[in-house]
C-alpha atoms as a PDB file:
ATOM      1  CA  UNK A   1      -0.009  -0.008  -0.019  1.00  0.00           C
ATOM      2  CA  UNK A   2       1.495   3.351  -1.011  1.00  0.00           C
ATOM      3  CA  UNK A   3       1.102   6.691   0.688  1.00  0.00           C
ATOM      4  CA  UNK A   4      -1.866   7.860  -1.413  1.00  0.00           C
ATOM      5  CA  UNK A   5      -3.825   4.688  -0.635  1.00  0.00           C
ATOM      6  CA  UNK A   6      -3.298   5.255   3.073  1.00  0.00           C
ATOM      7  CA  UNK A   7      -4.634   8.800   2.864  1.00  0.00           C
ATOM      8  CA  UNK A   8      -7.685   8.176   0.651  1.00  0.00           C
ATOM      9  CA  UNK A   9     -10.309   5.549   1.426  1.00  0.00           C
ATOM     10  CA  UNK A  10     -11.611   3.272  -1.312  1.00  0.00           C
ATOM     11  CA  UNK A  11     -14.721   5.384  -1.993  1.00  0.00           C
ATOM     12  CA  UNK A  12     -12.633   8.494  -2.516  1.00  0.00           C
ATOM     13  CA  UNK A  13     -10.258   6.631  -4.891  1.00  0.00           C
ATOM     14  CA  UNK A  14     -13.285   5.234  -6.768  1.00  0.00           C
ATOM     15  CA  UNK A  15     -14.853   8.646  -7.101  1.00  0.00           C
ATOM     16  CA  UNK A  16     -11.648  10.224  -8.403  1.00  0.00           C
ATOM     17  CA  UNK A  17     -11.173   7.359 -10.865  1.00  0.00           C
ATOM     18  CA  UNK A  18     -14.699   7.659 -12.181  1.00  0.00           C
ATOM     19  CA  UNK A  19     -14.593  11.424 -12.583  1.00  0.00           C
ATOM     20  CA  UNK A  20     -11.181  11.367 -14.194  1.00  0.00           C
ATOM     21  CA  UNK A  21     -12.528   8.747 -16.635  1.00  0.00           C
ATOM     22  CA  UNK A  22     -15.839  10.414 -17.513  1.00  0.00           C
ATOM     23  CA  UNK A  23     -14.602  13.989 -18.218  1.00  0.00           C
ATOM     24  CA  UNK A  24     -12.423  12.841 -21.162  1.00  0.00           C
ATOM     25  CA  UNK A  25     -15.368  10.722 -22.378  1.00  0.00           C
ATOM     26  CA  UNK A  26     -17.572  13.852 -22.337  1.00  0.00           C
ATOM     27  CA  UNK A  27     -14.839  15.801 -24.178  1.00  0.00           C
ATOM     28  CA  UNK A  28     -14.553  13.160 -26.850  1.00  0.00           C
ATOM     29  CA  UNK A  29     -18.325  12.923 -27.300  1.00  0.00           C
ATOM     30  CA  UNK A  30     -18.733  16.653 -27.785  1.00  0.00           C
ATOM     31  CA  UNK A  31     -15.490  17.313 -29.664  1.00  0.00           C
ATOM     32  CA  UNK A  32     -13.753  19.373 -26.981  1.00  0.00           C
ATOM     33  CA  UNK A  33     -10.376  18.998 -25.388  1.00  0.00           C
ATOM     34  CA  UNK A  34     -10.404  17.852 -21.786  1.00  0.00           C
ATOM     35  CA  UNK A  35      -9.722  21.366 -20.415  1.00  0.00           C
ATOM     36  CA  UNK A  36     -12.670  22.828 -22.392  1.00  0.00           C
ATOM     37  CA  UNK A  37     -14.909  19.995 -21.204  1.00  0.00           C
ATOM     38  CA  UNK A  38     -13.882  20.543 -17.584  1.00  0.00           C
ATOM     39  CA  UNK A  39     -14.605  24.271 -17.787  1.00  0.00           C
ATOM     40  CA  UNK A  40     -17.966  23.699 -19.522  1.00  0.00           C
ATOM     41  CA  UNK A  41     -19.009  21.111 -16.921  1.00  0.00           C
ATOM     42  CA  UNK A  42     -17.935  23.357 -14.085  1.00  0.00           C
ATOM     43  CA  UNK A  43     -19.660  26.451 -15.449  1.00  0.00           C
ATOM     44  CA  UNK A  44     -22.999  24.747 -16.173  1.00  0.00           C
ATOM     45  CA  UNK A  45     -23.342  22.370 -13.220  1.00  0.00           C
ATOM     46  CA  UNK A  46     -22.199  19.110 -14.811  1.00  0.00           C
ATOM     47  CA  UNK A  47     -19.387  18.651 -12.257  1.00  0.00           C
ATOM     48  CA  UNK A  48     -21.753  19.279  -9.335  1.00  0.00           C
ATOM     49  CA  UNK A  49     -24.057  16.603 -10.796  1.00  0.00           C
ATOM     50  CA  UNK A  50     -21.114  14.202 -11.045  1.00  0.00           C
ATOM     51  CA  UNK A  51     -19.896  14.843  -7.483  1.00  0.00           C
ATOM     52  CA  UNK A  52     -23.360  14.460  -6.046  1.00  0.00           C
ATOM     53  CA  UNK A  53     -24.346  11.327  -8.008  1.00  0.00           C
ATOM     54  CA  UNK A  54     -21.155   9.548  -8.906  1.00  0.00           C
ATOM     55  CA  UNK A  55     -22.013   6.517  -6.834  1.00  0.00           C
ATOM     56  CA  UNK A  56     -25.093   5.759  -8.937  1.00  0.00           C
ATOM     57  CA  UNK A  57     -23.640   7.048 -12.238  1.00  0.00           C
ATOM     58  CA  UNK A  58     -20.526   4.840 -12.121  1.00  0.00           C
ATOM     59  CA  UNK A  59     -22.741   1.771 -12.557  1.00  0.00           C
ATOM     60  CA  UNK A  60     -24.388   3.151 -15.720  1.00  0.00           C
ATOM     61  CA  UNK A  61     -23.194   3.012 -19.294  1.00  0.00           C
ATOM     62  CA  UNK A  62     -20.792   5.924 -19.954  1.00  0.00           C
ATOM     63  CA  UNK A  63     -22.904   6.952 -22.973  1.00  0.00           C
ATOM     64  CA  UNK A  64     -25.878   7.661 -20.731  1.00  0.00           C
ATOM     65  CA  UNK A  65     -23.746   9.416 -18.094  1.00  0.00           C
ATOM     66  CA  UNK A  66     -22.282  11.751 -20.707  1.00  0.00           C
ATOM     67  CA  UNK A  67     -25.719  12.447 -22.130  1.00  0.00           C
ATOM     68  CA  UNK A  68     -27.152  13.151 -18.701  1.00  0.00           C
ATOM     69  CA  UNK A  69     -24.317  15.574 -17.942  1.00  0.00           C
ATOM     70  CA  UNK A  70     -24.963  17.356 -21.204  1.00  0.00           C
ATOM     71  CA  UNK A  71     -28.688  17.667 -20.407  1.00  0.00           C
ATOM     72  CA  UNK A  72     -27.904  19.063 -16.952  1.00  0.00           C
ATOM     73  CA  UNK A  73     -25.571  21.664 -18.477  1.00  0.00           C
ATOM     74  CA  UNK A  74     -28.099  22.548 -21.164  1.00  0.00           C
ATOM     75  CA  UNK A  75     -30.777  23.176 -18.514  1.00  0.00           C
ATOM     76  CA  UNK A  76     -28.305  25.440 -16.721  1.00  0.00           C
ATOM     77  CA  UNK A  77     -27.593  27.579 -19.760  1.00  0.00           C
ATOM     78  CA  UNK A  78     -25.091  25.513 -21.719  1.00  0.00           C
ATOM     79  CA  UNK A  79     -25.249  25.590 -25.502  1.00  0.00           C
ATOM     80  CA  UNK A  80     -26.893  22.956 -27.576  1.00  0.00           C
END
């Protein structure tokens, strides 16, 4: 067990892994680079949605998670 594993519990590591996986998936789906996707998700509530619901979302198909994030952002003023 390395130092990071001692500091973070399994749920925290799983959450970080999921979020660091799904942001690039979102970027790819909507033809953005990862930095643009992160800013878009942060500005329009997509990241809040991920942080609040990651436990349920990580069991879903990434396609639907990305689509849900897009819908959340659209409802909060993001562009179509």
